[in-house]
Amino acid sequence: MKKTKIGRVVSDRMTQTIVVRAEERRLHARYRKHIRRHFKFHAHDPREEAAIGDLVRIEECRPLSRMKRWRLVEVVERAEG
């Protein structure tokens, strides 16, 4: 089963590549406090359908370049504007 993540597009300036910021919420083991962490993923977008601010779903794939290990599955929600 491939991993999937949902996040916002923060950059679409590269050709066929988007940068997605995904957030993770975890409970601290000792202090029982919710901690938010975010990660940036480079994803392959061959049709260049995602734009900055869109909420997208990405999926793990084979290495496509030095940075790209994810590909765009769908645009969940379009950005306003």
PDB file of N, CA and C in Angstrom:
ATOM      1  N   MET A   1       0.853  -1.194   0.000  1.00  0.00           N
ATOM      2  CA  MET A   1       0.000   0.000   0.000  1.00  0.00           C
ATOM      3  C   MET A   1       0.885   1.239   0.000  1.00  0.00           C
ATOM      4  N   LYS A   2       0.614   2.156  -0.905  1.00  0.00           N
ATOM      5  CA  LYS A   2       1.410   3.370  -0.994  1.00  0.00           C
ATOM      6  C   LYS A   2       0.910   4.400   0.010  1.00  0.00           C
ATOM      7  N   LYS A   3       1.834   5.168   0.545  1.00  0.00           N
ATOM      8  CA  LYS A   3       1.467   6.230   1.485  1.00  0.00           C
ATOM      9  C   LYS A   3       0.853   7.388   0.723  1.00  0.00           C
ATOM     10  N   THR A   4      -0.120   8.045   1.331  1.00  0.00           N
ATOM     11  CA  THR A   4      -0.704   9.246   0.745  1.00  0.00           C
ATOM     12  C   THR A   4      -0.689  10.344   1.797  1.00  0.00           C
ATOM     13  N   LYS A   5      -0.603  11.569   1.349  1.00  0.00           N
ATOM     14  CA  LYS A   5      -0.622  12.731   2.230  1.00  0.00           C
ATOM     15  C   LYS A   5      -1.493  13.810   1.601  1.00  0.00           C
ATOM     16  N   ILE A   6      -2.057  14.650   2.452  1.00  0.00           N
ATOM     17  CA  ILE A   6      -2.851  15.787   1.991  1.00  0.00           C
ATOM     18  C   ILE A   6      -2.166  17.049   2.483  1.00  0.00           C
ATOM     19  N   GLY A   7      -1.996  18.024   1.588  1.00  0.00           N
ATOM     20  CA  GLY A   7      -1.332  19.262   1.971  1.00  0.00           C
ATOM     21  C   GLY A   7      -1.632  20.380   0.995  1.00  0.00           C
ATOM     22  N   ARG A   8      -1.097  21.557   1.296  1.00  0.00           N
ATOM     23  CA  ARG A   8      -1.283  22.748   0.461  1.00  0.00           C
ATOM     24  C   ARG A   8      -0.077  22.944  -0.447  1.00  0.00           C
ATOM     25  N   VAL A   9      -0.343  23.402  -1.659  1.00  0.00           N
ATOM     26  CA  VAL A   9       0.722  23.714  -2.609  1.00  0.00           C
ATOM     27  C   VAL A   9       1.318  25.060  -2.227  1.00  0.00           C
ATOM     28  N   VAL A  10       2.631  25.093  -1.997  1.00  0.00           N
ATOM     29  CA  VAL A  10       3.299  26.341  -1.638  1.00  0.00           C
ATOM     30  C   VAL A  10       4.131  26.893  -2.787  1.00  0.00           C
ATOM     31  N   SER A  11       4.398  26.055  -3.803  1.00  0.00           N
ATOM     32  CA  SER A  11       5.150  26.536  -4.961  1.00  0.00           C
ATOM     33  C   SER A  11       4.780  25.708  -6.189  1.00  0.00           C
ATOM     34  N   ASP A  12       4.638  26.403  -7.336  1.00  0.00           N
ATOM     35  CA  ASP A  12       4.406  25.709  -8.604  1.00  0.00           C
ATOM     36  C   ASP A  12       5.270  26.316  -9.708  1.00  0.00           C
ATOM     37  N   ARG A  13       6.401  26.866  -9.328  1.00  0.00           N
ATOM     38  CA  ARG A  13       7.247  27.588 -10.280  1.00  0.00           C
ATOM     39  C   ARG A  13       8.063  26.663 -11.178  1.00  0.00           C
ATOM     40  N   MET A  14       8.315  25.428 -10.742  1.00  0.00           N
ATOM     41  CA  MET A  14       9.074  24.480 -11.560  1.00  0.00           C
ATOM     42  C   MET A  14       8.138  23.805 -12.562  1.00  0.00           C
ATOM     43  N   THR A  15       8.678  23.392 -13.691  1.00  0.00           N
ATOM     44  CA  THR A  15       7.850  22.706 -14.683  1.00  0.00           C
ATOM     45  C   THR A  15       7.579  21.287 -14.210  1.00  0.00           C
ATOM     46  N   GLN A  16       6.310  20.901 -14.229  1.00  0.00           N
ATOM     47  CA  GLN A  16       5.820  19.585 -13.848  1.00  0.00           C
ATOM     48  C   GLN A  16       6.167  19.187 -12.416  1.00  0.00           C
ATOM     49  N   THR A  17       6.411  20.166 -11.566  1.00  0.00           N
ATOM     50  CA  THR A  17       6.738  19.890 -10.167  1.00  0.00           C
ATOM     51  C   THR A  17       6.021  20.896  -9.272  1.00  0.00           C
ATOM     52  N   ILE A  18       5.470  20.399  -8.173  1.00  0.00           N
ATOM     53  CA  ILE A  18       4.878  21.271  -7.162  1.00  0.00           C
ATOM     54  C   ILE A  18       5.527  20.951  -5.820  1.00  0.00           C
ATOM     55  N   VAL A  19       5.527  21.932  -4.938  1.00  0.00           N
ATOM     56  CA  VAL A  19       6.020  21.729  -3.580  1.00  0.00           C
ATOM     57  C   VAL A  19       4.799  21.767  -2.666  1.00  0.00           C
ATOM     58  N   VAL A  20       4.613  20.692  -1.904  1.00  0.00           N
ATOM     59  CA  VAL A  20       3.441  20.539  -1.056  1.00  0.00           C
ATOM     60  C   VAL A  20       3.876  20.559   0.404  1.00  0.00           C
ATOM     61  N   ARG A  21       3.174  21.368   1.209  1.00  0.00           N
ATOM     62  CA  ARG A  21       3.449  21.444   2.644  1.00  0.00           C
ATOM     63  C   ARG A  21       2.380  20.634   3.367  1.00  0.00           C
ATOM     64  N   ALA A  22       2.804  19.529   3.966  1.00  0.00           N
ATOM     65  CA  ALA A  22       1.878  18.651   4.686  1.00  0.00           C
ATOM     66  C   ALA A  22       2.128  18.797   6.182  1.00  0.00           C
ATOM     67  N   GLU A  23       1.049  18.781   6.946  1.00  0.00           N
ATOM     68  CA  GLU A  23       1.140  18.960   8.391  1.00  0.00           C
ATOM     69  C   GLU A  23       0.868  17.633   9.092  1.00  0.00           C
ATOM     70  N   GLU A  24       1.572  17.425  10.191  1.00  0.00           N
ATOM     71  CA  GLU A  24       1.404  16.222  10.983  1.00  0.00           C
ATOM     72  C   GLU A  24       1.128  16.629  12.417  1.00  0.00           C
ATOM     73  N   ARG A  25       0.121  16.035  13.023  1.00  0.00           N
ATOM     74  CA  ARG A  25      -0.201  16.314  14.422  1.00  0.00           C
ATOM     75  C   ARG A  25       0.039  15.047  15.219  1.00  0.00           C
ATOM     76  N   ARG A  26       0.829  15.185  16.286  1.00  0.00           N
ATOM     77  CA  ARG A  26       1.136  14.035  17.123  1.00  0.00           C
ATOM     78  C   ARG A  26       0.963  14.406  18.576  1.00  0.00           C
ATOM     79  N   LEU A  27       0.779  13.395  19.384  1.00  0.00           N
ATOM     80  CA  LEU A  27       0.694  13.578  20.815  1.00  0.00           C
ATOM     81  C   LEU A  27       2.055  13.242  21.406  1.00  0.00           C
ATOM     82  N   HIS A  28       2.609  14.161  22.197  1.00  0.00           N
ATOM     83  CA  HIS A  28       3.901  13.930  22.816  1.00  0.00           C
ATOM     84  C   HIS A  28       3.777  12.771  23.808  1.00  0.00           C
ATOM     85  N   ALA A  29       4.737  11.876  23.774  1.00  0.00           N
ATOM     86  CA  ALA A  29       4.655  10.655  24.574  1.00  0.00           C
ATOM     87  C   ALA A  29       4.636  10.932  26.082  1.00  0.00           C
ATOM     88  N   ARG A  30       5.480  11.830  26.529  1.00  0.00           N
ATOM     89  CA  ARG A  30       5.567  12.084  27.966  1.00  0.00           C
ATOM     90  C   ARG A  30       4.628  13.190  28.426  1.00  0.00           C
ATOM     91  N   TYR A  31       4.610  14.300  27.706  1.00  0.00           N
ATOM     92  CA  TYR A  31       3.877  15.486  28.169  1.00  0.00           C
ATOM     93  C   TYR A  31       2.438  15.544  27.700  1.00  0.00           C
ATOM     94  N   ARG A  32       2.023  14.596  26.835  1.00  0.00           N
ATOM     95  CA  ARG A  32       0.637  14.495  26.375  1.00  0.00           C
ATOM     96  C   ARG A  32       0.112  15.783  25.742  1.00  0.00           C
ATOM     97  N   LYS A  33       0.995  16.494  25.064  1.00  0.00           N
ATOM     98  CA  LYS A  33       0.624  17.729  24.392  1.00  0.00           C
ATOM     99  C   LYS A  33       0.613  17.483  22.876  1.00  0.00           C
ATOM    100  N   HIS A  34      -0.355  18.064  22.200  1.00  0.00           N
ATOM    101  CA  HIS A  34      -0.416  17.929  20.748  1.00  0.00           C
ATOM    102  C   HIS A  34       0.655  18.809  20.118  1.00  0.00           C
ATOM    103  N   ILE A  35       1.423  18.215  19.205  1.00  0.00           N
ATOM    104  CA  ILE A  35       2.514  18.931  18.539  1.00  0.00           C
ATOM    105  C   ILE A  35       2.246  18.911  17.039  1.00  0.00           C
ATOM    106  N   ARG A  36       2.349  20.095  16.422  1.00  0.00           N
ATOM    107  CA  ARG A  36       2.179  20.199  14.975  1.00  0.00           C
ATOM    108  C   ARG A  36       3.542  20.317  14.326  1.00  0.00           C
ATOM    109  N   ARG A  37       3.791  19.488  13.325  1.00  0.00           N
ATOM    110  CA  ARG A  37       5.020  19.573  12.538  1.00  0.00           C
ATOM    111  C   ARG A  37       4.624  19.617  11.077  1.00  0.00           C
ATOM    112  N   HIS A  38       5.431  20.288  10.260  1.00  0.00           N
ATOM    113  CA  HIS A  38       5.131  20.305   8.835  1.00  0.00           C
ATOM    114  C   HIS A  38       6.356  19.869   8.046  1.00  0.00           C
ATOM    115  N   PHE A  39       6.098  19.313   6.877  1.00  0.00           N
ATOM    116  CA  PHE A  39       7.139  18.824   5.989  1.00  0.00           C
ATOM    117  C   PHE A  39       6.830  19.301   4.576  1.00  0.00           C
ATOM    118  N   LYS A  40       7.863  19.485   3.769  1.00  0.00           N
ATOM    119  CA  LYS A  40       7.687  19.875   2.373  1.00  0.00           C
ATOM    120  C   LYS A  40       8.064  18.698   1.486  1.00  0.00           C
ATOM    121  N   PHE A  41       7.215  18.419   0.525  1.00  0.00           N
ATOM    122  CA  PHE A  41       7.441  17.333  -0.412  1.00  0.00           C
ATOM    123  C   PHE A  41       7.400  17.873  -1.831  1.00  0.00           C
ATOM    124  N   HIS A  42       8.328  17.426  -2.674  1.00  0.00           N
ATOM    125  CA  HIS A  42       8.306  17.753  -4.091  1.00  0.00           C
ATOM    126  C   HIS A  42       7.510  16.660  -4.785  1.00  0.00           C
ATOM    127  N   ALA A  43       6.491  17.046  -5.538  1.00  0.00           N
ATOM    128  CA  ALA A  43       5.610  16.080  -6.186  1.00  0.00           C
ATOM    129  C   ALA A  43       5.550  16.329  -7.691  1.00  0.00           C
ATOM    130  N   HIS A  44       5.378  15.245  -8.437  1.00  0.00           N
ATOM    131  CA  HIS A  44       5.298  15.305  -9.894  1.00  0.00           C
ATOM    132  C   HIS A  44       3.869  15.660 -10.314  1.00  0.00           C
ATOM    133  N   ASP A  45       3.747  16.689 -11.127  1.00  0.00           N
ATOM    134  CA  ASP A  45       2.454  17.160 -11.628  1.00  0.00           C
ATOM    135  C   ASP A  45       2.565  17.286 -13.149  1.00  0.00           C
ATOM    136  N   PRO A  46       2.405  16.184 -13.901  1.00  0.00           N
ATOM    137  CA  PRO A  46       2.681  16.215 -15.348  1.00  0.00           C
ATOM    138  C   PRO A  46       1.764  17.132 -16.146  1.00  0.00           C
ATOM    139  N   ARG A  47       0.496  17.293 -15.713  1.00  0.00           N
ATOM    140  CA  ARG A  47      -0.445  18.155 -16.446  1.00  0.00           C
ATOM    141  C   ARG A  47      -0.462  19.582 -15.926  1.00  0.00           C
ATOM    142  N   GLU A  48       0.310  19.835 -14.876  1.00  0.00           N
ATOM    143  CA  GLU A  48       0.419  21.167 -14.258  1.00  0.00           C
ATOM    144  C   GLU A  48      -0.960  21.723 -13.920  1.00  0.00           C
ATOM    145  N   GLU A  49      -1.756  20.919 -13.231  1.00  0.00           N
ATOM    146  CA  GLU A  49      -3.113  21.331 -12.879  1.00  0.00           C
ATOM    147  C   GLU A  49      -3.212  21.980 -11.508  1.00  0.00           C
ATOM    148  N   ALA A  50      -2.228  21.808 -10.640  1.00  0.00           N
ATOM    149  CA  ALA A  50      -2.271  22.389  -9.296  1.00  0.00           C
ATOM    150  C   ALA A  50      -1.650  23.780  -9.295  1.00  0.00           C
ATOM    151  N   ALA A  51      -2.211  24.664  -8.478  1.00  0.00           N
ATOM    152  CA  ALA A  51      -1.713  26.030  -8.350  1.00  0.00           C
ATOM    153  C   ALA A  51      -1.447  26.318  -6.874  1.00  0.00           C
ATOM    154  N   ILE A  52      -0.790  27.435  -6.607  1.00  0.00           N
ATOM    155  CA  ILE A  52      -0.466  27.806  -5.229  1.00  0.00           C
ATOM    156  C   ILE A  52      -1.753  27.960  -4.420  1.00  0.00           C
ATOM    157  N   GLY A  53      -1.759  27.357  -3.237  1.00  0.00           N
ATOM    158  CA  GLY A  53      -2.903  27.458  -2.347  1.00  0.00           C
ATOM    159  C   GLY A  53      -3.891  26.308  -2.453  1.00  0.00           C
ATOM    160  N   ASP A  54      -3.765  25.474  -3.480  1.00  0.00           N
ATOM    161  CA  ASP A  54      -4.674  24.340  -3.638  1.00  0.00           C
ATOM    162  C   ASP A  54      -4.400  23.274  -2.577  1.00  0.00           C
ATOM    163  N   LEU A  55      -5.451  22.604  -2.160  1.00  0.00           N
ATOM    164  CA  LEU A  55      -5.331  21.458  -1.264  1.00  0.00           C
ATOM    165  C   LEU A  55      -5.256  20.223  -2.152  1.00  0.00           C
ATOM    166  N   VAL A  56      -4.174  19.453  -2.034  1.00  0.00           N
ATOM    167  CA  VAL A  56      -3.947  18.323  -2.938  1.00  0.00           C
ATOM    168  C   VAL A  56      -3.654  17.043  -2.163  1.00  0.00           C
ATOM    169  N   ARG A  57      -3.887  15.921  -2.844  1.00  0.00           N
ATOM    170  CA  ARG A  57      -3.514  14.617  -2.307  1.00  0.00           C
ATOM    171  C   ARG A  57      -2.352  14.103  -3.139  1.00  0.00           C
ATOM    172  N   ILE A  58      -1.259  13.691  -2.464  1.00  0.00           N
ATOM    173  CA  ILE A  58      -0.088  13.158  -3.161  1.00  0.00           C
ATOM    174  C   ILE A  58       0.139  11.722  -2.711  1.00  0.00           C
ATOM    175  N   GLU A  59       0.829  10.964  -3.564  1.00  0.00           N
ATOM    176  CA  GLU A  59       1.056   9.550  -3.302  1.00  0.00           C
ATOM    177  C   GLU A  59       2.522   9.219  -3.545  1.00  0.00           C
ATOM    178  N   GLU A  60       3.040   8.304  -2.754  1.00  0.00           N
ATOM    179  CA  GLU A  60       4.414   7.852  -2.881  1.00  0.00           C
ATOM    180  C   GLU A  60       4.619   7.152  -4.225  1.00  0.00           C
ATOM    181  N   CYS A  61       5.798   7.319  -4.820  1.00  0.00           N
ATOM    182  CA  CYS A  61       6.115   6.622  -6.066  1.00  0.00           C
ATOM    183  C   CYS A  61       7.618   6.387  -6.134  1.00  0.00           C
ATOM    184  N   ARG A  62       8.054   5.800  -7.217  1.00  0.00           N
ATOM    185  CA  ARG A  62       9.489   5.557  -7.388  1.00  0.00           C
ATOM    186  C   ARG A  62      10.213   6.900  -7.536  1.00  0.00           C
ATOM    187  N   PRO A  63      11.520   6.948  -7.286  1.00  0.00           N
ATOM    188  CA  PRO A  63      12.245   8.211  -7.467  1.00  0.00           C
ATOM    189  C   PRO A  63      12.192   8.696  -8.913  1.00  0.00           C
ATOM    190  N   LEU A  64      11.710   9.927  -9.103  1.00  0.00           N
ATOM    191  CA  LEU A  64      11.605  10.507 -10.434  1.00  0.00           C
ATOM    192  C   LEU A  64      12.745  11.467 -10.721  1.00  0.00           C
ATOM    193  N   SER A  65      13.339  12.009  -9.669  1.00  0.00           N
ATOM    194  CA  SER A  65      14.503  12.880  -9.801  1.00  0.00           C
ATOM    195  C   SER A  65      15.196  12.895  -8.442  1.00  0.00           C
ATOM    196  N   ARG A  66      16.135  13.800  -8.274  1.00  0.00           N
ATOM    197  CA  ARG A  66      16.870  13.862  -7.008  1.00  0.00           C
ATOM    198  C   ARG A  66      15.962  14.189  -5.840  1.00  0.00           C
ATOM    199  N   MET A  67      14.928  15.004  -6.057  1.00  0.00           N
ATOM    200  CA  MET A  67      14.047  15.438  -4.968  1.00  0.00           C
ATOM    201  C   MET A  67      12.658  14.807  -5.020  1.00  0.00           C
ATOM    202  N   LYS A  68      12.197  14.413  -6.205  1.00  0.00           N
ATOM    203  CA  LYS A  68      10.806  13.977  -6.354  1.00  0.00           C
ATOM    204  C   LYS A  68      10.641  12.487  -6.079  1.00  0.00           C
ATOM    205  N   ARG A  69       9.845  12.189  -5.023  1.00  0.00           N
ATOM    206  CA  ARG A  69       9.483  10.814  -4.692  1.00  0.00           C
ATOM    207  C   ARG A  69       7.972  10.683  -4.528  1.00  0.00           C
ATOM    208  N   TRP A  70       7.231  11.704  -4.909  1.00  0.00           N
ATOM    209  CA  TRP A  70       5.780  11.749  -4.757  1.00  0.00           C
ATOM    210  C   TRP A  70       5.162  12.187  -6.070  1.00  0.00           C
ATOM    211  N   ARG A  71       3.882  11.828  -6.269  1.00  0.00           N
ATOM    212  CA  ARG A  71       3.170  12.299  -7.461  1.00  0.00           C
ATOM    213  C   ARG A  71       1.773  12.760  -7.060  1.00  0.00           C
ATOM    214  N   LEU A  72       1.258  13.689  -7.830  1.00  0.00           N
ATOM    215  CA  LEU A  72      -0.058  14.257  -7.574  1.00  0.00           C
ATOM    216  C   LEU A  72      -1.140  13.244  -7.945  1.00  0.00           C
ATOM    217  N   VAL A  73      -2.084  13.021  -7.026  1.00  0.00           N
ATOM    218  CA  VAL A  73      -3.208  12.124  -7.291  1.00  0.00           C
ATOM    219  C   VAL A  73      -4.423  12.933  -7.707  1.00  0.00           C
ATOM    220  N   GLU A  74      -4.765  13.958  -6.897  1.00  0.00           N
ATOM    221  CA  GLU A  74      -5.925  14.778  -7.215  1.00  0.00           C
ATOM    222  C   GLU A  74      -5.839  16.120  -6.511  1.00  0.00           C
ATOM    223  N   VAL A  75      -6.549  17.081  -7.062  1.00  0.00           N
ATOM    224  CA  VAL A  75      -6.710  18.379  -6.421  1.00  0.00           C
ATOM    225  C   VAL A  75      -8.007  18.284  -5.620  1.00  0.00           C
ATOM    226  N   VAL A  76      -7.899  18.307  -4.302  1.00  0.00           N
ATOM    227  CA  VAL A  76      -9.060  18.148  -3.420  1.00  0.00           C
ATOM    228  C   VAL A  76      -9.892  19.423  -3.404  1.00  0.00           C
ATOM    229  N   GLU A  77      -9.207  20.564  -3.283  1.00  0.00           N
ATOM    230  CA  GLU A  77      -9.919  21.849  -3.167  1.00  0.00           C
ATOM    231  C   GLU A  77      -9.093  22.931  -3.844  1.00  0.00           C
ATOM    232  N   ARG A  78      -9.742  23.721  -4.687  1.00  0.00           N
ATOM    233  CA  ARG A  78      -9.070  24.817  -5.380  1.00  0.00           C
ATOM    234  C   ARG A  78      -8.917  26.022  -4.444  1.00  0.00           C
ATOM    235  N   ALA A  79      -7.855  26.787  -4.652  1.00  0.00           N
ATOM    236  CA  ALA A  79      -7.635  28.006  -3.868  1.00  0.00           C
ATOM    237  C   ALA A  79      -8.609  29.084  -4.317  1.00  0.00           C
ATOM    238  N   GLU A  80      -9.003  29.915  -3.393  1.00  0.00           N
ATOM    239  CA  GLU A  80      -9.900  31.024  -3.738  1.00  0.00           C
ATOM    240  C   GLU A  80      -9.107  32.123  -4.429  1.00  0.00           C
ATOM    241  N   GLY A  81      -9.711  32.690  -5.440  1.00  0.00           N
ATOM    242  CA  GLY A  81      -9.053  33.823  -6.070  1.00  0.00           C
ATOM    243  C   GLY A  81      -8.869  33.741  -7.527  1.00  0.00           C
TER     244      GLY A  81
END
